[in-house]
PDB file of N, CA and C in Angstrom:
ATOM      1  N   MET A   1    -117.953 -78.787 -63.323  1.00  0.00           N
ATOM      2  CA  MET A   1    -116.555 -78.039 -64.834  1.00  0.00           C
ATOM      3  C   MET A   1    -115.920 -79.334 -64.474  1.00  0.00           C
ATOM      4  N   ALA A   2    -115.381 -79.150 -66.625  1.00  0.00           N
ATOM      5  CA  ALA A   2    -113.821 -80.081 -66.825  1.00  0.00           C
ATOM      6  C   ALA A   2    -112.908 -79.259 -66.102  1.00  0.00           C
ATOM      7  N   GLU A   3    -112.428 -80.828 -66.073  1.00  0.00           N
ATOM      8  CA  GLU A   3    -110.557 -79.674 -66.097  1.00  0.00           C
ATOM      9  C   GLU A   3    -109.939 -79.783 -66.905  1.00  0.00           C
ATOM     10  N   HIS A   4    -109.214 -78.750 -67.036  1.00  0.00           N
ATOM     11  CA  HIS A   4    -107.928 -78.295 -68.426  1.00  0.00           C
ATOM     12  C   HIS A   4    -106.906 -78.918 -68.492  1.00  0.00           C
ATOM     13  N   GLN A   5    -106.643 -79.440 -69.730  1.00  0.00           N
ATOM     14  CA  GLN A   5    -105.079 -80.068 -69.121  1.00  0.00           C
ATOM     15  C   GLN A   5    -104.453 -79.632 -69.994  1.00  0.00           C
ATOM     16  N   HIS A   6    -102.964 -79.033 -70.050  1.00  0.00           N
ATOM     17  CA  HIS A   6    -102.611 -77.830 -70.437  1.00  0.00           C
ATOM     18  C   HIS A   6    -102.228 -78.657 -71.899  1.00  0.00           C
ATOM     19  N   GLY A   7    -101.622 -78.244 -72.684  1.00  0.00           N
ATOM     20  CA  GLY A   7    -101.369 -78.620 -73.837  1.00  0.00           C
ATOM     21  C   GLY A   7    -102.360 -79.453 -74.740  1.00  0.00           C
ATOM     22  N   THR A   8    -103.776 -79.333 -74.349  1.00  0.00           N
ATOM     23  CA  THR A   8    -104.128 -80.385 -74.857  1.00  0.00           C
ATOM     24  C   THR A   8    -104.988 -80.257 -76.287  1.00  0.00           C
ATOM     25  N   MET A   9    -104.825 -79.077 -75.999  1.00  0.00           N
ATOM     26  CA  MET A   9    -105.966 -78.319 -77.118  1.00  0.00           C
ATOM     27  C   MET A   9    -105.153 -78.223 -78.487  1.00  0.00           C
ATOM     28  N   ASP A  10    -105.816 -78.870 -79.845  1.00  0.00           N
ATOM     29  CA  ASP A  10    -105.809 -78.485 -80.810  1.00  0.00           C
ATOM     30  C   ASP A  10    -105.773 -76.970 -81.494  1.00  0.00           C
ATOM     31  N   THR A  11    -104.265 -77.226 -81.872  1.00  0.00           N
ATOM     32  CA  THR A  11    -104.575 -75.956 -82.331  1.00  0.00           C
ATOM     33  C   THR A  11    -104.053 -75.557 -84.102  1.00  0.00           C
ATOM     34  N   THR A  12    -104.145 -76.542 -84.860  1.00  0.00           N
ATOM     35  CA  THR A  12    -104.357 -76.438 -86.112  1.00  0.00           C
ATOM     36  C   THR A  12    -104.870 -75.458 -87.043  1.00  0.00           C
ATOM     37  N   VAL A  13    -106.469 -75.638 -86.275  1.00  0.00           N
ATOM     38  CA  VAL A  13    -107.035 -74.127 -86.902  1.00  0.00           C
ATOM     39  C   VAL A  13    -105.979 -72.845 -87.031  1.00  0.00           C
ATOM     40  N   GLN A  14    -106.106 -72.700 -85.981  1.00  0.00           N
ATOM     41  CA  GLN A  14    -105.742 -70.989 -85.476  1.00  0.00           C
ATOM     42  C   GLN A  14    -103.865 -70.865 -86.190  1.00  0.00           C
ATOM     43  N   GLU A  15    -103.146 -72.510 -86.115  1.00  0.00           N
ATOM     44  CA  GLU A  15    -101.924 -72.774 -86.680  1.00  0.00           C
ATOM     45  C   GLU A  15    -101.796 -71.676 -88.144  1.00  0.00           C
ATOM     46  N   LYS A  16    -103.036 -72.231 -89.153  1.00  0.00           N
ATOM     47  CA  LYS A  16    -103.683 -71.960 -90.371  1.00  0.00           C
ATOM     48  C   LYS A  16    -103.416 -71.006 -90.231  1.00  0.00           C
ATOM     49  N   THR A  17    -104.346 -70.317 -89.645  1.00  0.00           N
ATOM     50  CA  THR A  17    -105.120 -68.805 -89.579  1.00  0.00           C
ATOM     51  C   THR A  17    -104.421 -68.045 -89.663  1.00  0.00           C
ATOM     52  N   TYR A  18    -103.628 -68.337 -88.694  1.00  0.00           N
ATOM     53  CA  TYR A  18    -101.808 -67.414 -88.539  1.00  0.00           C
ATOM     54  C   TYR A  18    -101.269 -67.155 -89.653  1.00  0.00           C
ATOM     55  N   SER A  19    -100.673 -68.317 -89.410  1.00  0.00           N
ATOM     56  CA  SER A  19     -99.985 -68.392 -91.632  1.00  0.00           C
ATOM     57  C   SER A  19    -100.216 -67.859 -92.392  1.00  0.00           C
ATOM     58  N   SER A  20    -101.992 -68.184 -92.459  1.00  0.00           N
ATOM     59  CA  SER A  20    -102.243 -67.589 -93.942  1.00  0.00           C
ATOM     60  C   SER A  20    -101.953 -66.106 -93.725  1.00  0.00           C
ATOM     61  N   PHE A  21    -102.446 -65.435 -91.957  1.00  0.00           N
ATOM     62  CA  PHE A  21    -102.625 -63.896 -92.393  1.00  0.00           C
ATOM     63  C   PHE A  21    -100.396 -63.448 -92.428  1.00  0.00           C
ATOM     64  N   LEU A  22    -100.257 -64.332 -92.010  1.00  0.00           N
ATOM     65  CA  LEU A  22     -98.667 -63.988 -92.417  1.00  0.00           C
ATOM     66  C   LEU A  22     -98.528 -64.053 -93.780  1.00  0.00           C
ATOM     67  N   THR A  23     -98.691 -64.557 -94.837  1.00  0.00           N
ATOM     68  CA  THR A  23     -98.801 -64.353 -96.079  1.00  0.00           C
ATOM     69  C   THR A  23     -99.041 -63.423 -96.615  1.00  0.00           C
ATOM     70  N   PHE A  24    -100.407 -63.077 -96.512  1.00  0.00           N
ATOM     71  CA  PHE A  24    -101.300 -62.378 -96.793  1.00  0.00           C
ATOM     72  C   PHE A  24    -100.717 -60.229 -96.623  1.00  0.00           C
ATOM     73  N   VAL A  25     -99.972 -61.050 -95.109  1.00  0.00           N
ATOM     74  CA  VAL A  25     -99.322 -59.872 -94.570  1.00  0.00           C
ATOM     75  C   VAL A  25     -97.523 -59.316 -95.181  1.00  0.00           C
ATOM     76  N   THR A  26     -97.198 -60.164 -95.396  1.00  0.00           N
ATOM     77  CA  THR A  26     -96.252 -60.124 -96.547  1.00  0.00           C
ATOM     78  C   THR A  26     -96.700 -60.440 -98.533  1.00  0.00           C
ATOM     79  N   ARG A  27     -97.578 -60.928 -98.597  1.00  0.00           N
ATOM     80  CA  ARG A  27     -97.523 -60.254 -99.739  1.00  0.00           C
ATOM     81  C   ARG A  27     -98.224 -58.905-100.150  1.00  0.00           C
ATOM     82  N   PHE A  28     -99.215 -58.231 -98.836  1.00  0.00           N
ATOM     83  CA  PHE A  28     -99.159 -57.099 -99.211  1.00  0.00           C
ATOM     84  C   PHE A  28     -97.791 -55.918 -99.190  1.00  0.00           C
ATOM     85  N   SER A  29     -97.220 -56.378 -98.256  1.00  0.00           N
ATOM     86  CA  SER A  29     -96.118 -55.217 -97.917  1.00  0.00           C
ATOM     87  C   SER A  29     -95.292 -54.917 -99.519  1.00  0.00           C
ATOM     88  N   ILE A  30     -94.948 -56.159-100.103  1.00  0.00           N
ATOM     89  CA  ILE A  30     -94.327 -56.101-101.126  1.00  0.00           C
ATOM     90  C   ILE A  30     -94.632 -55.465-102.538  1.00  0.00           C
ATOM     91  N   ALA A  31     -96.306 -55.639-102.647  1.00  0.00           N
ATOM     92  CA  ALA A  31     -97.281 -54.882-103.119  1.00  0.00           C
ATOM     93  C   ALA A  31     -97.045 -53.522-102.546  1.00  0.00           C
ATOM     94  N   MET A  32     -96.962 -53.535-101.562  1.00  0.00           N
ATOM     95  CA  MET A  32     -97.468 -52.242-101.715  1.00  0.00           C
ATOM     96  C   MET A  32     -95.542 -50.818-101.338  1.00  0.00           C
ATOM     97  N   VAL A  33     -95.227 -52.228-101.240  1.00  0.00           N
ATOM     98  CA  VAL A  33     -93.396 -51.342-101.403  1.00  0.00           C
ATOM     99  C   VAL A  33     -93.368 -50.924-103.281  1.00  0.00           C
ATOM    100  N   PHE A  34     -93.253 -52.514-103.960  1.00  0.00           N
ATOM    101  CA  PHE A  34     -94.105 -51.568-105.671  1.00  0.00           C
ATOM    102  C   PHE A  34     -94.858 -50.651-105.820  1.00  0.00           C
ATOM    103  N   LEU A  35     -95.436 -50.442-105.610  1.00  0.00           N
ATOM    104  CA  LEU A  35     -96.997 -49.000-105.682  1.00  0.00           C
ATOM    105  C   LEU A  35     -96.102 -48.332-105.523  1.00  0.00           C
ATOM    106  N   ALA A  36     -95.633 -48.276-104.293  1.00  0.00           N
ATOM    107  CA  ALA A  36     -94.861 -47.115-103.760  1.00  0.00           C
ATOM    108  C   ALA A  36     -93.362 -46.667-105.533  1.00  0.00           C
ATOM    109  N   LEU A  37     -92.476 -47.670-105.371  1.00  0.00           N
ATOM    110  CA  LEU A  37     -91.552 -47.578-106.632  1.00  0.00           C
ATOM    111  C   LEU A  37     -92.029 -46.964-107.827  1.00  0.00           C
ATOM    112  N   PHE A  38     -93.207 -47.264-108.320  1.00  0.00           N
ATOM    113  CA  PHE A  38     -93.652 -47.267-109.173  1.00  0.00           C
ATOM    114  C   PHE A  38     -94.806 -46.260-109.391  1.00  0.00           C
ATOM    115  N   LEU A  39     -95.286 -44.770-108.311  1.00  0.00           N
ATOM    116  CA  LEU A  39     -94.996 -43.928-108.949  1.00  0.00           C
ATOM    117  C   LEU A  39     -94.031 -42.987-108.494  1.00  0.00           C
ATOM    118  N   ALA A  40     -93.179 -43.839-107.796  1.00  0.00           N
ATOM    119  CA  ALA A  40     -92.159 -43.027-107.723  1.00  0.00           C
ATOM    120  C   ALA A  40     -91.019 -42.501-108.993  1.00  0.00           C
ATOM    121  N   VAL A  41     -91.308 -43.085-109.527  1.00  0.00           N
ATOM    122  CA  VAL A  41     -90.731 -43.141-111.299  1.00  0.00           C
ATOM    123  C   VAL A  41     -91.289 -42.703-111.644  1.00  0.00           C
ATOM    124  N   PHE A  42     -93.038 -43.175-112.464  1.00  0.00           N
ATOM    125  CA  PHE A  42     -93.615 -43.213-113.818  1.00  0.00           C
ATOM    126  C   PHE A  42     -94.116 -41.998-113.197  1.00  0.00           C
ATOM    127  N   ALA A  43     -94.303 -41.519-111.544  1.00  0.00           N
ATOM    128  CA  ALA A  43     -95.040 -39.676-111.661  1.00  0.00           C
ATOM    129  C   ALA A  43     -95.598 -39.127-111.591  1.00  0.00           C
ATOM    130  N   THR A  44     -95.729 -38.159-112.375  1.00  0.00           N
ATOM    131  CA  THR A  44     -94.911 -36.719-111.765  1.00  0.00           C
ATOM    132  C   THR A  44     -95.546 -35.506-111.578  1.00  0.00           C
TER     133      THR A  44
END
């Protein structure tokens, strides 16, 4: 069994995925706020 050396794993893919996830969540949250404001203003 190979010995694990802390800090040697390439985490580029994980960092890109996490960044994409945060971008999606931020944009989705902003869209939901605008949708709620739209409904509050124009819904009867």
